[in-house]
Amino acid sequence: MARTKIALLYVGGSIGMKVNQKTGRIEPIESLNEIHRFLPELQKEVALQFFSIANVGSSEVTPEHWSQLALAIEALYDRFDGFVVVHGTNTMSYTASALSFSLQGLGKPVVLTGALLPINDLAGDGRMNLI
């Protein structure tokens, strides 16, 4: 049986950061594909493909980003079984509301997730929020 195909649409936020193990500083991940390494169990279950919409803090998300997300989902609709929007937590509810209007009648799931801490923080919520 073919694995479910999921598109991860990255907008930004803490989930896309990592703790530098040498300095202890929080810094952006080098590539969206770096997230793959933190999700080995998920990779066995579903086929993930990453798309970068933006790399901004949650408070910097604008209606233009909402339009870009909706257009990306429309363009990718036939290739994927579902969509996960990776977003900062501060304004995620606004993006969810905007997408609920722009994607009315969509026949596939769209899930928004984020994190309070970077994806590689052992005490963080990023990894589990993506799983």
C-alpha atoms as a PDB file:
ATOM      1  CA  MET A   1       0.000   0.000   0.000  1.00  0.00           C
ATOM      2  CA  ALA A   2       1.314   3.456  -0.904  1.00  0.00           C
ATOM      3  CA  ARG A   3       2.250   5.792   1.923  1.00  0.00           C
ATOM      4  CA  THR A   4       0.074   8.834   2.512  1.00  0.00           C
ATOM      5  CA  LYS A   5       1.602  11.927   0.887  1.00  0.00           C
ATOM      6  CA  ILE A   6       1.763  15.002   3.098  1.00  0.00           C
ATOM      7  CA  ALA A   7       2.950  18.473   2.075  1.00  0.00           C
ATOM      8  CA  LEU A   8       4.533  20.472   4.914  1.00  0.00           C
ATOM      9  CA  LEU A   9       4.238  24.177   4.205  1.00  0.00           C
ATOM     10  CA  TYR A  10       6.697  26.142   6.311  1.00  0.00           C
ATOM     11  CA  VAL A  11       5.902  29.715   7.321  1.00  0.00           C
ATOM     12  CA  GLY A  12       8.255  30.133  10.282  1.00  0.00           C
ATOM     13  CA  GLY A  13       8.260  30.199  14.052  1.00  0.00           C
ATOM     14  CA  SER A  14      10.171  28.460  16.839  1.00  0.00           C
ATOM     15  CA  ILE A  15       9.574  25.004  15.395  1.00  0.00           C
ATOM     16  CA  GLY A  16      11.950  25.923  12.559  1.00  0.00           C
ATOM     17  CA  MET A  17      14.730  26.851  14.936  1.00  0.00           C
ATOM     18  CA  LYS A  18      17.322  24.644  16.605  1.00  0.00           C
ATOM     19  CA  VAL A  19      19.543  24.831  19.637  1.00  0.00           C
ATOM     20  CA  ASN A  20      23.203  24.987  18.653  1.00  0.00           C
ATOM     21  CA  GLN A  21      24.707  22.204  20.759  1.00  0.00           C
ATOM     22  CA  LYS A  22      28.075  23.978  20.995  1.00  0.00           C
ATOM     23  CA  THR A  23      26.914  27.475  21.908  1.00  0.00           C
ATOM     24  CA  GLY A  24      23.460  26.850  23.373  1.00  0.00           C
ATOM     25  CA  ARG A  25      22.088  29.627  21.179  1.00  0.00           C
ATOM     26  CA  ILE A  26      18.865  29.309  19.232  1.00  0.00           C
ATOM     27  CA  GLU A  27      19.333  29.705  15.474  1.00  0.00           C
ATOM     28  CA  PRO A  28      17.345  28.955  12.317  1.00  0.00           C
ATOM     29  CA  ILE A  29      17.616  25.495  10.825  1.00  0.00           C
ATOM     30  CA  GLU A  30      19.819  25.472   7.752  1.00  0.00           C
ATOM     31  CA  SER A  31      17.268  23.788   5.509  1.00  0.00           C
ATOM     32  CA  LEU A  32      13.708  22.569   5.773  1.00  0.00           C
ATOM     33  CA  ASN A  33      14.990  19.127   4.910  1.00  0.00           C
ATOM     34  CA  GLU A  34      16.891  19.223   8.210  1.00  0.00           C
ATOM     35  CA  ILE A  35      13.532  18.652   9.920  1.00  0.00           C
ATOM     36  CA  HIS A  36      13.466  15.165   8.340  1.00  0.00           C
ATOM     37  CA  ARG A  37      16.213  14.040  10.656  1.00  0.00           C
ATOM     38  CA  PHE A  38      14.043  14.768  13.700  1.00  0.00           C
ATOM     39  CA  LEU A  39      11.105  12.728  12.370  1.00  0.00           C
ATOM     40  CA  PRO A  40      12.417   9.240  11.512  1.00  0.00           C
ATOM     41  CA  GLU A  41       9.337   7.418  12.827  1.00  0.00           C
ATOM     42  CA  LEU A  42       7.000   9.651  10.843  1.00  0.00           C
ATOM     43  CA  GLN A  43       8.996   9.064   7.652  1.00  0.00           C
ATOM     44  CA  LYS A  44       8.155   5.356   7.907  1.00  0.00           C
ATOM     45  CA  GLU A  45       4.432   6.091   7.947  1.00  0.00           C
ATOM     46  CA  VAL A  46       3.996   8.936   5.463  1.00  0.00           C
ATOM     47  CA  ALA A  47       5.803  10.487   2.509  1.00  0.00           C
ATOM     48  CA  LEU A  48       6.686  14.054   3.492  1.00  0.00           C
ATOM     49  CA  GLN A  49       7.674  16.854   1.180  1.00  0.00           C
ATOM     50  CA  PHE A  50       8.646  20.290   2.469  1.00  0.00           C
ATOM     51  CA  PHE A  51       7.787  23.633   0.898  1.00  0.00           C
ATOM     52  CA  SER A  52       8.937  27.014   2.168  1.00  0.00           C
ATOM     53  CA  ILE A  53       6.325  29.752   2.006  1.00  0.00           C
ATOM     54  CA  ALA A  54       8.223  32.142   4.287  1.00  0.00           C
ATOM     55  CA  ASN A  55      10.641  32.168   7.202  1.00  0.00           C
ATOM     56  CA  VAL A  56       9.177  34.826   9.452  1.00  0.00           C
ATOM     57  CA  GLY A  57       8.247  35.212  13.067  1.00  0.00           C
ATOM     58  CA  SER A  58       4.585  34.701  13.794  1.00  0.00           C
ATOM     59  CA  SER A  59       3.987  38.414  14.390  1.00  0.00           C
ATOM     60  CA  GLU A  60       5.319  39.147  10.889  1.00  0.00           C
ATOM     61  CA  VAL A  61       2.778  36.960   9.056  1.00  0.00           C
ATOM     62  CA  THR A  62       0.603  39.070   6.750  1.00  0.00           C
ATOM     63  CA  PRO A  63      -2.473  38.527   4.564  1.00  0.00           C
ATOM     64  CA  GLU A  64      -0.012  38.084   1.687  1.00  0.00           C
ATOM     65  CA  HIS A  65       1.323  34.960   3.427  1.00  0.00           C
ATOM     66  CA  TRP A  66      -2.250  33.688   3.819  1.00  0.00           C
ATOM     67  CA  SER A  67      -2.755  34.104   0.073  1.00  0.00           C
ATOM     68  CA  GLN A  68       0.539  32.348  -0.652  1.00  0.00           C
ATOM     69  CA  LEU A  69      -0.513  29.414   1.543  1.00  0.00           C
ATOM     70  CA  ALA A  70      -3.903  29.093  -0.130  1.00  0.00           C
ATOM     71  CA  LEU A  71      -2.338  29.287  -3.603  1.00  0.00           C
ATOM     72  CA  ALA A  72       0.306  26.700  -2.671  1.00  0.00           C
ATOM     73  CA  ILE A  73      -2.345  24.286  -1.399  1.00  0.00           C
ATOM     74  CA  GLU A  74      -4.336  24.805  -4.590  1.00  0.00           C
ATOM     75  CA  ALA A  75      -1.248  24.165  -6.752  1.00  0.00           C
ATOM     76  CA  LEU A  76      -0.275  21.042  -4.778  1.00  0.00           C
ATOM     77  CA  TYR A  77      -3.796  19.719  -4.241  1.00  0.00           C
ATOM     78  CA  ASP A  78      -3.692  16.822  -6.722  1.00  0.00           C
ATOM     79  CA  ARG A  79      -0.240  15.626  -5.591  1.00  0.00           C
ATOM     80  CA  PHE A  80      -0.908  15.268  -1.846  1.00  0.00           C
ATOM     81  CA  ASP A  81      -3.395  13.626   0.493  1.00  0.00           C
ATOM     82  CA  GLY A  82      -3.124  16.344   3.145  1.00  0.00           C
ATOM     83  CA  PHE A  83      -1.310  19.496   4.175  1.00  0.00           C
ATOM     84  CA  VAL A  84       0.465  20.586   7.359  1.00  0.00           C
ATOM     85  CA  VAL A  85       1.184  24.285   7.813  1.00  0.00           C
ATOM     86  CA  VAL A  86       4.172  24.825  10.120  1.00  0.00           C
ATOM     87  CA  HIS A  87       3.645  28.218  11.725  1.00  0.00           C
ATOM     88  CA  GLY A  88       4.594  30.369  14.693  1.00  0.00           C
ATOM     89  CA  THR A  89       2.162  30.095  17.591  1.00  0.00           C
ATOM     90  CA  ASN A  90       1.462  33.784  18.306  1.00  0.00           C
ATOM     91  CA  THR A  91      -0.742  34.394  15.272  1.00  0.00           C
ATOM     92  CA  MET A  92      -1.534  30.857  14.152  1.00  0.00           C
ATOM     93  CA  SER A  93      -5.220  31.351  14.969  1.00  0.00           C
ATOM     94  CA  TYR A  94      -5.436  34.268  12.515  1.00  0.00           C
ATOM     95  CA  THR A  95      -3.898  32.187   9.746  1.00  0.00           C
ATOM     96  CA  ALA A  96      -6.241  29.297  10.558  1.00  0.00           C
ATOM     97  CA  SER A  97      -9.222  31.623  10.319  1.00  0.00           C
ATOM     98  CA  ALA A  98      -8.068  33.103   7.003  1.00  0.00           C
ATOM     99  CA  LEU A  99      -7.472  29.634   5.538  1.00  0.00           C
ATOM    100  CA  SER A 100     -10.872  28.424   6.729  1.00  0.00           C
ATOM    101  CA  PHE A 101     -12.453  31.032   4.466  1.00  0.00           C
ATOM    102  CA  SER A 102     -10.105  30.705   1.494  1.00  0.00           C
ATOM    103  CA  LEU A 103     -10.173  26.886   1.483  1.00  0.00           C
ATOM    104  CA  GLN A 104     -13.913  26.347   1.986  1.00  0.00           C
ATOM    105  CA  GLY A 105     -15.105  23.058   0.545  1.00  0.00           C
ATOM    106  CA  LEU A 106     -11.617  21.571   0.402  1.00  0.00           C
ATOM    107  CA  GLY A 107     -11.813  17.780   0.378  1.00  0.00           C
ATOM    108  CA  LYS A 108      -8.463  17.168   2.079  1.00  0.00           C
ATOM    109  CA  PRO A 109      -7.225  17.947   5.588  1.00  0.00           C
ATOM    110  CA  VAL A 110      -5.197  21.046   6.372  1.00  0.00           C
ATOM    111  CA  VAL A 111      -3.582  21.085   9.827  1.00  0.00           C
ATOM    112  CA  LEU A 112      -1.684  23.965  11.411  1.00  0.00           C
ATOM    113  CA  THR A 113       1.002  23.250  13.985  1.00  0.00           C
ATOM    114  CA  GLY A 114       3.809  25.070  15.705  1.00  0.00           C
ATOM    115  CA  ALA A 115       5.905  24.909  18.832  1.00  0.00           C
ATOM    116  CA  LEU A 116       7.033  26.956  21.767  1.00  0.00           C
ATOM    117  CA  LEU A 117      10.566  25.558  21.597  1.00  0.00           C
ATOM    118  CA  PRO A 118      12.936  24.536  18.759  1.00  0.00           C
ATOM    119  CA  ILE A 119      12.524  21.144  17.135  1.00  0.00           C
ATOM    120  CA  ASN A 120      15.756  19.712  18.559  1.00  0.00           C
ATOM    121  CA  ASP A 121      15.135  20.844  22.144  1.00  0.00           C
ATOM    122  CA  LEU A 122      14.822  17.631  24.170  1.00  0.00           C
ATOM    123  CA  ALA A 123      12.213  19.188  26.450  1.00  0.00           C
ATOM    124  CA  GLY A 124      10.502  20.898  23.536  1.00  0.00           C
ATOM    125  CA  ASP A 125       7.169  20.296  21.900  1.00  0.00           C
ATOM    126  CA  GLY A 126       8.198  20.761  18.249  1.00  0.00           C
ATOM    127  CA  ARG A 127       8.904  17.160  17.337  1.00  0.00           C
ATOM    128  CA  MET A 128       5.758  15.778  18.919  1.00  0.00           C
ATOM    129  CA  ASN A 129       3.616  18.536  17.430  1.00  0.00           C
ATOM    130  CA  LEU A 130       4.719  17.446  13.962  1.00  0.00           C
ATOM    131  CA  ILE A 131       4.166  13.771  14.670  1.00  0.00           C
END
